[in-house]
Amino acid sequence: MDVLGRLESQVAALLDELRRLKEGYAYLDAQIFALQEEKTALAAENRRLTLDLEKEGQLRAEARRRIDALLRKIEEHDSIE
């Protein structure tokens, strides 16, 4: 094979490799985008769950206060009798 023939083969091989690399890059770019979308969704869900947990804690604290008030009323009633 002459020098030009080898050069043509090498150029063709390099172009094939470049095409494969571009395809790989596009695939990885799509994967990164999907992972970023998932991360954003998980962060939003995490914020919602954190707020729900805080609200539940507030509701529990309020329930405890009300139960304590009822117990005090019962104790006061029992001490009067």
N, C-alpha and C. Protein backbone atom coordinates (compact mmCIF):
# COMPACT_ATOMS: atom_id res chain seq x y z
N MET A 1 0.86 -1.18 0.00
CA MET A 1 0.00 0.00 0.00
C MET A 1 0.90 1.23 0.00
N ASP A 2 0.53 2.15 -0.80
CA ASP A 2 1.35 3.36 -0.87
C ASP A 2 1.09 4.27 0.32
N VAL A 3 1.89 5.27 0.44
CA VAL A 3 1.81 6.21 1.57
C VAL A 3 0.45 6.89 1.62
N LEU A 4 -0.07 7.31 0.49
CA LEU A 4 -1.37 7.99 0.47
C LEU A 4 -2.49 7.04 0.88
N GLY A 5 -2.37 5.79 0.47
CA GLY A 5 -3.36 4.79 0.86
C GLY A 5 -3.38 4.59 2.37
N ARG A 6 -2.19 4.52 2.97
CA ARG A 6 -2.11 4.38 4.43
C ARG A 6 -2.65 5.61 5.12
N LEU A 7 -2.35 6.77 4.59
CA LEU A 7 -2.83 8.03 5.16
C LEU A 7 -4.35 8.08 5.10
N GLU A 8 -4.91 7.66 3.96
CA GLU A 8 -6.37 7.62 3.83
C GLU A 8 -7.00 6.67 4.85
N SER A 9 -6.38 5.54 5.04
CA SER A 9 -6.88 4.56 6.03
C SER A 9 -6.82 5.13 7.44
N GLN A 10 -5.72 5.78 7.75
CA GLN A 10 -5.57 6.37 9.09
C GLN A 10 -6.58 7.49 9.31
N VAL A 11 -6.77 8.32 8.28
CA VAL A 11 -7.75 9.41 8.39
C VAL A 11 -9.15 8.82 8.59
N ALA A 12 -9.49 7.78 7.82
CA ALA A 12 -10.80 7.13 7.95
C ALA A 12 -10.96 6.55 9.35
N ALA A 13 -9.92 5.92 9.87
CA ALA A 13 -9.97 5.34 11.22
C ALA A 13 -10.14 6.45 12.26
N LEU A 14 -9.43 7.56 12.08
CA LEU A 14 -9.57 8.68 13.01
C LEU A 14 -10.96 9.28 12.96
N LEU A 15 -11.52 9.39 11.76
CA LEU A 15 -12.87 9.93 11.63
C LEU A 15 -13.89 9.00 12.29
N ASP A 16 -13.69 7.68 12.13
CA ASP A 16 -14.57 6.72 12.81
C ASP A 16 -14.47 6.86 14.33
N GLU A 17 -13.24 6.98 14.80
CA GLU A 17 -13.03 7.15 16.24
C GLU A 17 -13.67 8.45 16.73
N LEU A 18 -13.54 9.52 15.96
CA LEU A 18 -14.15 10.79 16.32
C LEU A 18 -15.67 10.65 16.39
N ARG A 19 -16.26 9.95 15.43
CA ARG A 19 -17.70 9.72 15.43
C ARG A 19 -18.12 8.95 16.68
N ARG A 20 -17.39 7.90 17.02
CA ARG A 20 -17.70 7.11 18.23
C ARG A 20 -17.57 7.97 19.49
N LEU A 21 -16.54 8.79 19.53
CA LEU A 21 -16.35 9.65 20.70
C LEU A 21 -17.49 10.67 20.83
N LYS A 22 -17.92 11.22 19.69
CA LYS A 22 -19.04 12.17 19.71
C LYS A 22 -20.32 11.49 20.18
N GLU A 23 -20.55 10.26 19.72
CA GLU A 23 -21.72 9.51 20.15
C GLU A 23 -21.65 9.23 21.65
N GLY A 24 -20.46 8.85 22.10
CA GLY A 24 -20.27 8.60 23.53
C GLY A 24 -20.50 9.86 24.34
N TYR A 25 -20.01 10.98 23.84
CA TYR A 25 -20.20 12.26 24.53
C TYR A 25 -21.68 12.61 24.58
N ALA A 26 -22.40 12.42 23.48
CA ALA A 26 -23.83 12.72 23.45
C ALA A 26 -24.58 11.85 24.44
N TYR A 27 -24.20 10.57 24.52
CA TYR A 27 -24.83 9.65 25.48
C TYR A 27 -24.57 10.12 26.91
N LEU A 28 -23.32 10.44 27.21
CA LEU A 28 -22.97 10.89 28.56
C LEU A 28 -23.66 12.21 28.90
N ASP A 29 -23.75 13.09 27.91
CA ASP A 29 -24.43 14.37 28.12
C ASP A 29 -25.90 14.13 28.46
N ALA A 30 -26.54 13.20 27.76
CA ALA A 30 -27.94 12.87 28.04
C ALA A 30 -28.08 12.26 29.43
N GLN A 31 -27.14 11.41 29.81
CA GLN A 31 -27.16 10.81 31.15
C GLN A 31 -27.01 11.88 32.22
N ILE A 32 -26.09 12.81 32.01
CA ILE A 32 -25.89 13.89 32.97
C ILE A 32 -27.15 14.72 33.11
N PHE A 33 -27.78 15.05 32.00
CA PHE A 33 -29.02 15.82 32.02
C PHE A 33 -30.09 15.08 32.81
N ALA A 34 -30.25 13.79 32.55
CA ALA A 34 -31.25 12.99 33.26
C ALA A 34 -30.96 12.95 34.75
N LEU A 35 -29.70 12.81 35.12
CA LEU A 35 -29.33 12.78 36.53
C LEU A 35 -29.56 14.13 37.20
N GLN A 36 -29.31 15.21 36.47
CA GLN A 36 -29.57 16.54 37.02
C GLN A 36 -31.06 16.74 37.24
N GLU A 37 -31.87 16.27 36.30
CA GLU A 37 -33.33 16.36 36.45
C GLU A 37 -33.78 15.56 37.67
N GLU A 38 -33.23 14.37 37.82
CA GLU A 38 -33.58 13.52 38.96
C GLU A 38 -33.15 14.18 40.27
N LYS A 39 -31.97 14.76 40.26
CA LYS A 39 -31.47 15.45 41.46
C LYS A 39 -32.40 16.60 41.83
N THR A 40 -32.83 17.36 40.84
CA THR A 40 -33.73 18.48 41.09
C THR A 40 -35.05 17.98 41.68
N ALA A 41 -35.59 16.91 41.10
CA ALA A 41 -36.84 16.34 41.60
C ALA A 41 -36.67 15.82 43.03
N LEU A 42 -35.56 15.15 43.30
CA LEU A 42 -35.31 14.63 44.65
C LEU A 42 -35.12 15.76 45.66
N ALA A 43 -34.48 16.84 45.24
CA ALA A 43 -34.30 17.97 46.14
C ALA A 43 -35.65 18.60 46.48
N ALA A 44 -36.53 18.70 45.49
CA ALA A 44 -37.86 19.25 45.73
C ALA A 44 -38.65 18.34 46.66
N GLU A 45 -38.56 17.03 46.44
CA GLU A 45 -39.25 16.08 47.32
C GLU A 45 -38.68 16.14 48.73
N ASN A 46 -37.37 16.29 48.84
CA ASN A 46 -36.74 16.39 50.14
C ASN A 46 -37.24 17.63 50.90
N ARG A 47 -37.35 18.76 50.18
CA ARG A 47 -37.86 19.98 50.81
C ARG A 47 -39.30 19.77 51.29
N ARG A 48 -40.13 19.14 50.43
CA ARG A 48 -41.52 18.89 50.80
C ARG A 48 -41.60 17.97 52.02
N LEU A 49 -40.80 16.91 52.03
CA LEU A 49 -40.82 15.98 53.16
C LEU A 49 -40.32 16.65 54.44
N THR A 50 -39.33 17.52 54.31
CA THR A 50 -38.82 18.24 55.48
C THR A 50 -39.91 19.14 56.05
N LEU A 51 -40.62 19.84 55.18
CA LEU A 51 -41.72 20.70 55.65
C LEU A 51 -42.83 19.86 56.29
N ASP A 52 -43.15 18.73 55.67
CA ASP A 52 -44.17 17.84 56.25
C ASP A 52 -43.74 17.34 57.62
N LEU A 53 -42.46 17.00 57.76
CA LEU A 53 -41.95 16.52 59.05
C LEU A 53 -42.02 17.61 60.10
N GLU A 54 -41.66 18.83 59.73
CA GLU A 54 -41.74 19.95 60.66
C GLU A 54 -43.19 20.19 61.08
N LYS A 55 -44.11 20.12 60.11
CA LYS A 55 -45.53 20.32 60.42
C LYS A 55 -46.03 19.22 61.36
N GLU A 56 -45.62 17.99 61.10
CA GLU A 56 -46.03 16.88 61.97
C GLU A 56 -45.48 17.09 63.39
N GLY A 57 -44.25 17.57 63.48
CA GLY A 57 -43.68 17.84 64.80
C GLY A 57 -44.47 18.92 65.53
N GLN A 58 -44.88 19.95 64.80
CA GLN A 58 -45.69 21.01 65.41
C GLN A 58 -47.05 20.47 65.86
N LEU A 59 -47.67 19.62 65.04
CA LEU A 59 -48.95 19.03 65.41
C LEU A 59 -48.81 18.14 66.65
N ARG A 60 -47.73 17.38 66.71
CA ARG A 60 -47.51 16.54 67.89
C ARG A 60 -47.31 17.38 69.15
N ALA A 61 -46.55 18.45 69.01
CA ALA A 61 -46.31 19.33 70.16
C ALA A 61 -47.62 19.95 70.62
N GLU A 62 -48.45 20.38 69.68
CA GLU A 62 -49.75 20.96 70.03
C GLU A 62 -50.64 19.91 70.70
N ALA A 63 -50.62 18.68 70.18
CA ALA A 63 -51.41 17.60 70.79
C ALA A 63 -50.94 17.34 72.22
N ARG A 64 -49.62 17.34 72.44
CA ARG A 64 -49.10 17.14 73.80
C ARG A 64 -49.56 18.25 74.74
N ARG A 65 -49.52 19.50 74.25
CA ARG A 65 -49.96 20.63 75.08
C ARG A 65 -51.43 20.47 75.45
N ARG A 66 -52.24 20.07 74.49
CA ARG A 66 -53.67 19.91 74.77
C ARG A 66 -53.93 18.76 75.73
N ILE A 67 -53.21 17.66 75.55
CA ILE A 67 -53.36 16.52 76.46
C ILE A 67 -52.92 16.92 77.87
N ASP A 68 -51.80 17.64 77.98
CA ASP A 68 -51.34 18.11 79.29
C ASP A 68 -52.39 19.01 79.94
N ALA A 69 -53.02 19.89 79.16
CA ALA A 69 -54.06 20.78 79.70
C ALA A 69 -55.25 19.96 80.19
N LEU A 70 -55.64 18.95 79.44
CA LEU A 70 -56.75 18.09 79.87
C LEU A 70 -56.40 17.34 81.15
N LEU A 71 -55.17 16.83 81.23
CA LEU A 71 -54.75 16.12 82.45
C LEU A 71 -54.76 17.05 83.66
N ARG A 72 -54.32 18.31 83.45
CA ARG A 72 -54.36 19.27 84.57
C ARG A 72 -55.79 19.52 85.02
N LYS A 73 -56.71 19.64 84.06
CA LYS A 73 -58.12 19.86 84.41
C LYS A 73 -58.66 18.67 85.20
N ILE A 74 -58.30 17.47 84.77
CA ILE A 74 -58.75 16.26 85.49
C ILE A 74 -58.17 16.25 86.89
N GLU A 75 -56.88 16.56 87.02
CA GLU A 75 -56.25 16.58 88.33
C GLU A 75 -56.88 17.64 89.23
N GLU A 76 -57.16 18.82 88.66
CA GLU A 76 -57.80 19.87 89.43
C GLU A 76 -59.18 19.44 89.87
N HIS A 77 -59.91 18.79 88.99
CA HIS A 77 -61.26 18.32 89.31
C HIS A 77 -61.21 17.28 90.42
N ASP A 78 -60.25 16.36 90.32
CA ASP A 78 -60.10 15.33 91.34
C ASP A 78 -59.70 15.91 92.67
N SER A 79 -58.89 16.96 92.67
CA SER A 79 -58.45 17.54 93.94
C SER A 79 -59.57 18.35 94.60
N ILE A 80 -60.52 18.82 93.83
CA ILE A 80 -61.65 19.58 94.39
C ILE A 80 -62.57 18.64 95.12
N GLU A 81 -62.75 17.45 94.60
CA GLU A 81 -63.68 16.50 95.22
C GLU A 81 -63.10 15.90 96.41
